[in-house]
Amino acid sequence: QLQLVESGGGLVQPGGSLRLSCAASGFTLDYYAIGWFRQAPGKEREGVSCISDSGGSTNYADSVKGRFTISRDNAKNTVYLQVNSLKPEDTAVYYCAAGIVPCPPVGPLPLGYEYDYWGQGTQVTVSS
């Protein structure tokens, strides 16, 4: 069964950090770009970041640039999203997705429909 599983979410104070993980089972991530998305209550899903299959290209939404860092360890079949300097507006369910899509280093992030596999999400809540 092809599956993506996110973990690492939680409750954190403003200014805090978390490391989100996206682990794949049933397939190898080697040939897939990975995207991170988030959806806050009452809001549309938005792209946060992407990383190319090789890890050589990354991109970020303007709202998280300089605070979030995406990386991947293909040997562990896992992609990470380090989220620092968290703000209350970062509160959302965070999802990872895998797809055969480009991840350009600049310009718009790939859209959700371009990805083939999705995880179930992990909740990040930023509150004092």
Foldseek 3Di string as FASTA:
>chain_A
DWAWAKDWADEAAQQAKIKIKIAIPPDFLLQWKKWKWWDDPPGDIDTAKIAGSVRPAIAGDPVQPPFWDWGDDRVRSMIMIIGGSDDQVVWTWMKMFIANDDQHNDDDGDDPVRTDHIHPTDTHGYHD
